[in-house]
PDB file of all heavy atoms in Angstrom:
ATOM      1  N   GLU A   1      -1.037   8.841 -17.458  1.00  0.00           N
ATOM      2  CA  GLU A   1      -0.906   7.799 -18.485  1.00  0.00           C
ATOM      3  C   GLU A   1      -1.673   6.553 -18.124  1.00  0.00           C
ATOM      4  O   GLU A   1      -1.993   6.308 -16.975  1.00  0.00           O
ATOM      5  CB  GLU A   1       0.565   7.455 -18.719  1.00  0.00           C
ATOM      6  CG  GLU A   1       1.124   6.727 -17.540  1.00  0.00           C
ATOM      7  CD  GLU A   1       2.555   7.058 -17.280  1.00  0.00           C
ATOM      8  OE1 GLU A   1       2.902   8.252 -17.326  1.00  0.00           O
ATOM      9  OE2 GLU A   1       3.319   6.153 -17.004  1.00  0.00           O
ATOM     10  N   ALA A   2      -2.020   5.734 -19.116  1.00  0.00           N
ATOM     11  CA  ALA A   2      -2.783   4.513 -18.874  1.00  0.00           C
ATOM     12  C   ALA A   2      -1.812   3.365 -18.510  1.00  0.00           C
ATOM     13  O   ALA A   2      -0.858   3.116 -19.253  1.00  0.00           O
ATOM     14  CB  ALA A   2      -3.598   4.158 -20.058  1.00  0.00           C
ATOM     15  N   VAL A   3      -2.091   2.711 -17.429  1.00  0.00           N
ATOM     16  CA  VAL A   3      -1.295   1.573 -17.020  1.00  0.00           C
ATOM     17  C   VAL A   3      -2.278   0.462 -16.680  1.00  0.00           C
ATOM     18  O   VAL A   3      -3.188   0.681 -15.893  1.00  0.00           O
ATOM     19  CB  VAL A   3      -0.435   1.887 -15.763  1.00  0.00           C
ATOM     20  CG1 VAL A   3       0.284   0.656 -15.319  1.00  0.00           C
ATOM     21  CG2 VAL A   3       0.517   3.005 -16.018  1.00  0.00           C
ATOM     22  N   HIS A   4      -2.137  -0.691 -17.314  1.00  0.00           N
ATOM     23  CA  HIS A   4      -3.025  -1.824 -17.012  1.00  0.00           C
ATOM     24  C   HIS A   4      -2.152  -2.978 -16.518  1.00  0.00           C
ATOM     25  O   HIS A   4      -1.475  -3.591 -17.294  1.00  0.00           O
ATOM     26  CB  HIS A   4      -3.786  -2.241 -18.246  1.00  0.00           C
ATOM     27  CG  HIS A   4      -4.597  -1.149 -18.859  1.00  0.00           C
ATOM     28  ND1 HIS A   4      -5.766  -0.688 -18.289  1.00  0.00           N
ATOM     29  CD2 HIS A   4      -4.383  -0.365 -19.941  1.00  0.00           C
ATOM     30  CE1 HIS A   4      -6.265   0.286 -18.999  1.00  0.00           C
ATOM     31  NE2 HIS A   4      -5.424   0.494 -20.019  1.00  0.00           N
ATOM     32  N   GLU A   5      -2.138  -3.151 -15.227  1.00  0.00           N
ATOM     33  CA  GLU A   5      -1.288  -4.171 -14.661  1.00  0.00           C
ATOM     34  C   GLU A   5      -1.930  -4.781 -13.440  1.00  0.00           C
ATOM     35  O   GLU A   5      -2.485  -4.076 -12.588  1.00  0.00           O
ATOM     36  CB  GLU A   5       0.094  -3.585 -14.285  1.00  0.00           C
ATOM     37  CG  GLU A   5      -0.023  -2.442 -13.316  1.00  0.00           C
ATOM     38  CD  GLU A   5       1.273  -1.717 -13.122  1.00  0.00           C
ATOM     39  OE1 GLU A   5       1.745  -1.050 -14.031  1.00  0.00           O
ATOM     40  OE2 GLU A   5       1.797  -1.829 -11.995  1.00  0.00           O
ATOM     41  N   PRO A   6      -1.908  -6.104 -13.318  1.00  0.00           N
ATOM     42  CA  PRO A   6      -2.396  -6.675 -12.084  1.00  0.00           C
ATOM     43  C   PRO A   6      -1.356  -6.435 -11.003  1.00  0.00           C
ATOM     44  O   PRO A   6      -0.183  -6.764 -11.166  1.00  0.00           O
ATOM     45  CB  PRO A   6      -2.530  -8.151 -12.417  1.00  0.00           C
ATOM     46  CG  PRO A   6      -1.686  -8.381 -13.598  1.00  0.00           C
ATOM     47  CD  PRO A   6      -1.540  -7.072 -14.300  1.00  0.00           C
ATOM     48  N   LEU A   7      -1.774  -5.833  -9.908  1.00  0.00           N
ATOM     49  CA  LEU A   7      -0.825  -5.553  -8.839  1.00  0.00           C
ATOM     50  C   LEU A   7      -0.857  -6.579  -7.715  1.00  0.00           C
ATOM     51  O   LEU A   7       0.020  -6.651  -6.902  1.00  0.00           O
ATOM     52  CB  LEU A   7      -1.129  -4.168  -8.222  1.00  0.00           C
ATOM     53  CG  LEU A   7      -0.977  -3.008  -9.174  1.00  0.00           C
ATOM     54  CD1 LEU A   7      -1.304  -1.716  -8.472  1.00  0.00           C
ATOM     55  CD2 LEU A   7       0.418  -2.950  -9.708  1.00  0.00           C
ATOM     56  N   MET A   8      -1.922  -7.390  -7.687  1.00  0.00           N
ATOM     57  CA  MET A   8      -2.026  -8.337  -6.587  1.00  0.00           C
ATOM     58  C   MET A   8      -3.010  -9.408  -6.967  1.00  0.00           C
ATOM     59  O   MET A   8      -3.972  -9.158  -7.655  1.00  0.00           O
ATOM     60  CB  MET A   8      -2.479  -7.585  -5.375  1.00  0.00           C
ATOM     61  CG  MET A   8      -3.080  -8.429  -4.320  1.00  0.00           C
ATOM     62  SD  MET A   8      -3.621  -7.498  -2.932  1.00  0.00           S
ATOM     63  CE  MET A   8      -4.007  -8.914  -1.941  1.00  0.00           C
ATOM     64  N   THR A   9      -2.759 -10.590  -6.552  1.00  0.00           N
ATOM     65  CA  THR A   9      -3.759 -11.648  -6.692  1.00  0.00           C
ATOM     66  C   THR A   9      -3.916 -12.320  -5.356  1.00  0.00           C
ATOM     67  O   THR A   9      -2.995 -12.400  -4.558  1.00  0.00           O
ATOM     68  CB  THR A   9      -3.400 -12.676  -7.767  1.00  0.00           C
ATOM     69  OG1 THR A   9      -2.154 -13.246  -7.410  1.00  0.00           O
ATOM     70  CG2 THR A   9      -3.362 -12.075  -9.130  1.00  0.00           C
ATOM     71  N   ALA A  10      -5.118 -12.785  -5.074  1.00  0.00           N
ATOM     72  CA  ALA A  10      -5.391 -13.437  -3.806  1.00  0.00           C
ATOM     73  C   ALA A  10      -5.266 -14.945  -3.944  1.00  0.00           C
ATOM     74  O   ALA A  10      -5.348 -15.463  -5.047  1.00  0.00           O
ATOM     75  CB  ALA A  10      -6.827 -13.088  -3.366  1.00  0.00           C
ATOM     76  N   PRO A  11      -5.070 -15.646  -2.835  1.00  0.00           N
ATOM     77  CA  PRO A  11      -4.984 -17.097  -2.894  1.00  0.00           C
ATOM     78  C   PRO A  11      -6.262 -17.734  -3.483  1.00  0.00           C
ATOM     79  O   PRO A  11      -6.205 -18.717  -4.170  1.00  0.00           O
ATOM     80  CB  PRO A  11      -4.809 -17.525  -1.435  1.00  0.00           C
ATOM     81  CG  PRO A  11      -4.398 -16.284  -0.711  1.00  0.00           C
ATOM     82  CD  PRO A  11      -4.893 -15.134  -1.498  1.00  0.00           C
ATOM     83  N   ASN A  12      -7.400 -17.154  -3.188  1.00  0.00           N
ATOM     84  CA  ASN A  12      -8.654 -17.596  -3.739  1.00  0.00           C
ATOM     85  C   ASN A  12      -8.868 -16.801  -5.027  1.00  0.00           C
ATOM     86  O   ASN A  12      -9.117 -15.614  -4.977  1.00  0.00           O
ATOM     87  CB  ASN A  12      -9.800 -17.358  -2.773  1.00  0.00           C
ATOM     88  CG  ASN A  12     -11.136 -17.778  -3.322  1.00  0.00           C
ATOM     89  OD1 ASN A  12     -11.251 -18.134  -4.500  1.00  0.00           O
ATOM     90  ND2 ASN A  12     -12.158 -17.731  -2.498  1.00  0.00           N
ATOM     91  N   PRO A  13      -8.818 -17.437  -6.188  1.00  0.00           N
ATOM     92  CA  PRO A  13      -8.873 -16.659  -7.438  1.00  0.00           C
ATOM     93  C   PRO A  13     -10.232 -16.069  -7.758  1.00  0.00           C
ATOM     94  O   PRO A  13     -10.387 -15.303  -8.670  1.00  0.00           O
ATOM     95  CB  PRO A  13      -8.485 -17.719  -8.482  1.00  0.00           C
ATOM     96  CG  PRO A  13      -8.877 -19.013  -7.894  1.00  0.00           C
ATOM     97  CD  PRO A  13      -8.653 -18.839  -6.410  1.00  0.00           C
ATOM     98  N   HIS A  14     -11.253 -16.407  -6.969  1.00  0.00           N
ATOM     99  CA  HIS A  14     -12.606 -15.915  -7.266  1.00  0.00           C
ATOM    100  C   HIS A  14     -12.979 -14.648  -6.531  1.00  0.00           C
ATOM    101  O   HIS A  14     -13.816 -13.894  -6.983  1.00  0.00           O
ATOM    102  CB  HIS A  14     -13.625 -17.038  -7.007  1.00  0.00           C
ATOM    103  CG  HIS A  14     -13.313 -18.286  -7.790  1.00  0.00           C
ATOM    104  ND1 HIS A  14     -13.433 -18.311  -9.142  1.00  0.00           N
ATOM    105  CD2 HIS A  14     -12.868 -19.460  -7.378  1.00  0.00           C
ATOM    106  CE1 HIS A  14     -13.106 -19.498  -9.560  1.00  0.00           C
ATOM    107  NE2 HIS A  14     -12.760 -20.236  -8.530  1.00  0.00           N
ATOM    108  N   THR A  15     -12.394 -14.418  -5.354  1.00  0.00           N
ATOM    109  CA  THR A  15     -12.760 -13.260  -4.569  1.00  0.00           C
ATOM    110  C   THR A  15     -11.765 -12.987  -3.471  1.00  0.00           C
ATOM    111  O   THR A  15     -11.031 -13.916  -3.089  1.00  0.00           O
ATOM    112  CB  THR A  15     -14.177 -13.425  -3.965  1.00  0.00           C
ATOM    113  OG1 THR A  15     -14.540 -12.187  -3.317  1.00  0.00           O
ATOM    114  CG2 THR A  15     -14.230 -14.541  -2.987  1.00  0.00           C
ATOM    115  N   VAL A  16     -11.705 -11.780  -2.998  1.00  0.00           N
ATOM    116  CA  VAL A  16     -10.938 -11.485  -1.794  1.00  0.00           C
ATOM    117  C   VAL A  16     -11.836 -11.384  -0.589  1.00  0.00           C
ATOM    118  O   VAL A  16     -11.399 -11.100   0.497  1.00  0.00           O
ATOM    119  CB  VAL A  16     -10.080 -10.171  -1.923  1.00  0.00           C
ATOM    120  CG1 VAL A  16      -9.035 -10.301  -3.002  1.00  0.00           C
ATOM    121  CG2 VAL A  16     -10.995  -9.002  -2.152  1.00  0.00           C
ATOM    122  N   ARG A  17     -13.123 -11.648  -0.807  1.00  0.00           N
ATOM    123  CA  ARG A  17     -14.102 -11.593   0.247  1.00  0.00           C
ATOM    124  C   ARG A  17     -13.901 -12.780   1.172  1.00  0.00           C
ATOM    125  O   ARG A  17     -13.766 -13.926   0.735  1.00  0.00           O
ATOM    126  CB  ARG A  17     -15.514 -11.604  -0.314  1.00  0.00           C
ATOM    127  CG  ARG A  17     -16.607 -11.552   0.779  1.00  0.00           C
ATOM    128  CD  ARG A  17     -17.990 -11.469   0.203  1.00  0.00           C
ATOM    129  NE  ARG A  17     -18.220 -12.323  -0.912  1.00  0.00           N
ATOM    130  CZ  ARG A  17     -18.657 -13.598  -0.838  1.00  0.00           C
ATOM    131  NH1 ARG A  17     -18.856 -14.118   0.344  1.00  0.00           N
ATOM    132  NH2 ARG A  17     -18.860 -14.314  -1.893  1.00  0.00           N
ATOM    133  N   LEU A  18     -13.886 -12.512   2.452  1.00  0.00           N
ATOM    134  CA  LEU A  18     -13.815 -13.588   3.428  1.00  0.00           C
ATOM    135  C   LEU A  18     -15.168 -14.313   3.538  1.00  0.00           C
ATOM    136  O   LEU A  18     -16.198 -13.696   3.254  1.00  0.00           O
ATOM    137  CB  LEU A  18     -13.480 -12.993   4.800  1.00  0.00           C
ATOM    138  CG  LEU A  18     -12.072 -12.360   4.959  1.00  0.00           C
ATOM    139  CD1 LEU A  18     -11.987 -11.628   6.289  1.00  0.00           C
ATOM    140  CD2 LEU A  18     -11.001 -13.420   4.820  1.00  0.00           C
ATOM    141  N   PRO A  19     -15.187 -15.546   3.968  1.00  0.00           N
ATOM    142  CA  PRO A  19     -16.453 -16.247   4.111  1.00  0.00           C
ATOM    143  C   PRO A  19     -17.323 -15.617   5.203  1.00  0.00           C
ATOM    144  O   PRO A  19     -18.542 -15.660   5.138  1.00  0.00           O
ATOM    145  CB  PRO A  19     -16.097 -17.695   4.482  1.00  0.00           C
ATOM    146  CG  PRO A  19     -14.603 -17.733   4.520  1.00  0.00           C
ATOM    147  CD  PRO A  19     -14.020 -16.406   4.212  1.00  0.00           C
ATOM    148  N   GLU A  20     -16.685 -15.039   6.191  1.00  0.00           N
ATOM    149  CA  GLU A  20     -17.373 -14.342   7.280  1.00  0.00           C
ATOM    150  C   GLU A  20     -16.617 -13.052   7.549  1.00  0.00           C
ATOM    151  O   GLU A  20     -15.408 -12.983   7.376  1.00  0.00           O
ATOM    152  CB  GLU A  20     -17.394 -15.176   8.542  1.00  0.00           C
ATOM    153  CG  GLU A  20     -18.211 -16.429   8.429  1.00  0.00           C
ATOM    154  CD  GLU A  20     -18.223 -17.224   9.736  1.00  0.00           C
ATOM    155  OE1 GLU A  20     -17.740 -16.701  10.760  1.00  0.00           O
ATOM    156  OE2 GLU A  20     -18.711 -18.360   9.753  1.00  0.00           O
ATOM    157  N   ARG A  21     -17.330 -12.060   8.045  1.00  0.00           N
ATOM    158  CA  ARG A  21     -16.720 -10.789   8.399  1.00  0.00           C
ATOM    159  C   ARG A  21     -15.722 -10.990   9.549  1.00  0.00           C
ATOM    160  O   ARG A  21     -16.031 -11.718  10.496  1.00  0.00           O
ATOM    161  CB  ARG A  21     -17.818  -9.796   8.820  1.00  0.00           C
ATOM    162  CG  ARG A  21     -17.306  -8.447   9.176  1.00  0.00           C
ATOM    163  CD  ARG A  21     -18.436  -7.505   9.505  1.00  0.00           C
ATOM    164  NE  ARG A  21     -17.898  -6.239   9.946  1.00  0.00           N
ATOM    165  CZ  ARG A  21     -18.580  -5.339  10.604  1.00  0.00           C
ATOM    166  NH1 ARG A  21     -19.858  -5.554  10.884  1.00  0.00           N
ATOM    167  NH2 ARG A  21     -18.028  -4.225  10.968  1.00  0.00           N
ATOM    168  N   ASP A  22     -14.564 -10.386   9.459  1.00  0.00           N
ATOM    169  CA  ASP A  22     -13.557 -10.440  10.508  1.00  0.00           C
ATOM    170  C   ASP A  22     -13.883  -9.364  11.530  1.00  0.00           C
ATOM    171  O   ASP A  22     -13.523  -8.191  11.388  1.00  0.00           O
ATOM    172  CB  ASP A  22     -12.169 -10.197   9.893  1.00  0.00           C
ATOM    173  CG  ASP A  22     -11.067 -10.201  10.915  1.00  0.00           C
ATOM    174  OD1 ASP A  22     -11.355 -10.341  12.135  1.00  0.00           O
ATOM    175  OD2 ASP A  22      -9.879 -10.040  10.500  1.00  0.00           O
ATOM    176  N   LEU A  23     -14.591  -9.746  12.588  1.00  0.00           N
ATOM    177  CA  LEU A  23     -15.029  -8.782  13.607  1.00  0.00           C
ATOM    178  C   LEU A  23     -13.878  -8.221  14.417  1.00  0.00           C
ATOM    179  O   LEU A  23     -14.042  -7.232  15.100  1.00  0.00           O
ATOM    180  CB  LEU A  23     -16.079  -9.427  14.502  1.00  0.00           C
ATOM    181  CG  LEU A  23     -17.363  -9.856  13.797  1.00  0.00           C
ATOM    182  CD1 LEU A  23     -18.287 -10.584  14.771  1.00  0.00           C
ATOM    183  CD2 LEU A  23     -18.099  -8.637  13.244  1.00  0.00           C
ATOM    184  N   SER A  24     -12.717  -8.855  14.328  1.00  0.00           N
ATOM    185  CA  SER A  24     -11.559  -8.336  15.088  1.00  0.00           C
ATOM    186  C   SER A  24     -10.823  -7.232  14.344  1.00  0.00           C
ATOM    187  O   SER A  24      -9.988  -6.559  14.906  1.00  0.00           O
ATOM    188  CB  SER A  24     -10.617  -9.496  15.398  1.00  0.00           C
ATOM    189  OG  SER A  24      -9.983  -9.942  14.205  1.00  0.00           O
ATOM    190  N   PHE A  25     -11.167  -7.042  13.046  1.00  0.00           N
ATOM    191  CA  PHE A  25     -10.459  -6.027  12.254  1.00  0.00           C
ATOM    192  C   PHE A  25     -11.003  -4.643  12.565  1.00  0.00           C
ATOM    193  O   PHE A  25     -12.216  -4.416  12.580  1.00  0.00           O
ATOM    194  CB  PHE A  25     -10.625  -6.280  10.747  1.00  0.00           C
ATOM    195  CG  PHE A  25     -10.043  -5.142   9.938  1.00  0.00           C
ATOM    196  CD1 PHE A  25      -8.695  -5.046   9.771  1.00  0.00           C
ATOM    197  CD2 PHE A  25     -10.872  -4.187   9.406  1.00  0.00           C
ATOM    198  CE1 PHE A  25      -8.150  -3.998   9.058  1.00  0.00           C
ATOM    199  CE2 PHE A  25     -10.335  -3.130   8.689  1.00  0.00           C
ATOM    200  CZ  PHE A  25      -8.969  -3.003   8.516  1.00  0.00           C
ATOM    201  N   HIS A  26     -10.071  -3.716  12.822  1.00  0.00           N
ATOM    202  CA  HIS A  26     -10.415  -2.333  13.025  1.00  0.00           C
ATOM    203  C   HIS A  26      -9.301  -1.464  12.438  1.00  0.00           C
ATOM    204  O   HIS A  26      -8.142  -1.818  12.524  1.00  0.00           O
ATOM    205  CB  HIS A  26     -10.584  -1.998  14.528  1.00  0.00           C
ATOM    206  CG  HIS A  26     -11.713  -2.735  15.142  1.00  0.00           C
ATOM    207  ND1 HIS A  26     -13.032  -2.421  14.925  1.00  0.00           N
ATOM    208  CD2 HIS A  26     -11.710  -3.813  15.948  1.00  0.00           C
ATOM    209  CE1 HIS A  26     -13.798  -3.268  15.595  1.00  0.00           C
ATOM    210  NE2 HIS A  26     -13.014  -4.127  16.236  1.00  0.00           N
ATOM    211  N   LEU A  27      -9.678  -0.342  11.874  1.00  0.00           N
ATOM    212  CA  LEU A  27      -8.709   0.615  11.416  1.00  0.00           C
ATOM    213  C   LEU A  27      -8.044   1.244  12.645  1.00  0.00           C
ATOM    214  O   LEU A  27      -8.725   1.528  13.647  1.00  0.00           O
ATOM    215  CB  LEU A  27      -9.338   1.721  10.577  1.00  0.00           C
ATOM    216  CG  LEU A  27      -9.891   1.259   9.220  1.00  0.00           C
ATOM    217  CD1 LEU A  27     -10.741   2.380   8.577  1.00  0.00           C
ATOM    218  CD2 LEU A  27      -8.734   0.876   8.280  1.00  0.00           C
ATOM    219  N   THR A  28      -6.761   1.523  12.557  1.00  0.00           N
ATOM    220  CA  THR A  28      -6.085   2.226  13.644  1.00  0.00           C
ATOM    221  C   THR A  28      -6.536   3.703  13.604  1.00  0.00           C
ATOM    222  O   THR A  28      -7.061   4.173  12.592  1.00  0.00           O
ATOM    223  CB  THR A  28      -4.563   2.133  13.493  1.00  0.00           C
ATOM    224  OG1 THR A  28      -4.183   2.859  12.327  1.00  0.00           O
ATOM    225  CG2 THR A  28      -4.085   0.685  13.453  1.00  0.00           C
ATOM    226  N   ALA A  29      -6.218   4.425  14.685  1.00  0.00           N
ATOM    227  CA  ALA A  29      -6.544   5.843  14.718  1.00  0.00           C
ATOM    228  C   ALA A  29      -5.801   6.559  13.597  1.00  0.00           C
ATOM    229  O   ALA A  29      -6.341   7.472  12.940  1.00  0.00           O
ATOM    230  CB  ALA A  29      -6.220   6.419  16.071  1.00  0.00           C
ATOM    231  N   GLU A  30      -4.590   6.177  13.370  1.00  0.00           N
ATOM    232  CA  GLU A  30      -3.789   6.775  12.278  1.00  0.00           C
ATOM    233  C   GLU A  30      -4.392   6.502  10.908  1.00  0.00           C
ATOM    234  O   GLU A  30      -4.466   7.380  10.053  1.00  0.00           O
ATOM    235  CB  GLU A  30      -2.349   6.234  12.347  1.00  0.00           C
ATOM    236  CG  GLU A  30      -1.411   6.839  11.295  1.00  0.00           C
ATOM    237  CD  GLU A  30      -0.026   6.295  11.410  1.00  0.00           C
ATOM    238  OE1 GLU A  30       0.768   6.868  12.183  1.00  0.00           O
ATOM    239  OE2 GLU A  30       0.278   5.298  10.732  1.00  0.00           O
ATOM    240  N   GLU A  31      -4.828   5.251  10.663  1.00  0.00           N
ATOM    241  CA  GLU A  31      -5.473   4.897   9.385  1.00  0.00           C
ATOM    242  C   GLU A  31      -6.778   5.663   9.224  1.00  0.00           C
ATOM    243  O   GLU A  31      -7.051   6.186   8.134  1.00  0.00           O
ATOM    244  CB  GLU A  31      -5.720   3.416   9.339  1.00  0.00           C
ATOM    245  CG  GLU A  31      -4.481   2.569   9.167  1.00  0.00           C
ATOM    246  CD  GLU A  31      -4.724   1.098   9.377  1.00  0.00           C
ATOM    247  OE1 GLU A  31      -5.642   0.711  10.137  1.00  0.00           O
ATOM    248  OE2 GLU A  31      -3.958   0.312   8.760  1.00  0.00           O
ATOM    249  N   ARG A  32      -7.551   5.782  10.275  1.00  0.00           N
ATOM    250  CA  ARG A  32      -8.828   6.534  10.179  1.00  0.00           C
ATOM    251  C   ARG A  32      -8.571   7.987   9.831  1.00  0.00           C
ATOM    252  O   ARG A  32      -9.277   8.569   9.015  1.00  0.00           O
ATOM    253  CB  ARG A  32      -9.611   6.416  11.521  1.00  0.00           C
ATOM    254  CG  ARG A  32     -10.128   5.029  11.811  1.00  0.00           C
ATOM    255  CD  ARG A  32     -10.839   4.988  13.145  1.00  0.00           C
ATOM    256  NE  ARG A  32     -12.194   5.484  13.046  1.00  0.00           N
ATOM    257  CZ  ARG A  32     -13.249   4.837  12.584  1.00  0.00           C
ATOM    258  NH1 ARG A  32     -13.090   3.596  12.145  1.00  0.00           N
ATOM    259  NH2 ARG A  32     -14.414   5.380  12.548  1.00  0.00           N
TER     260      ARG A  32
END
């Protein structure tokens, strides 16, 4: 079925993109 709902909004209303890449972020082995 069709569902149109906002599930999340970010503090910055224009983007969820960070100003710089977070080099400390890595997927865990379980996430991978």
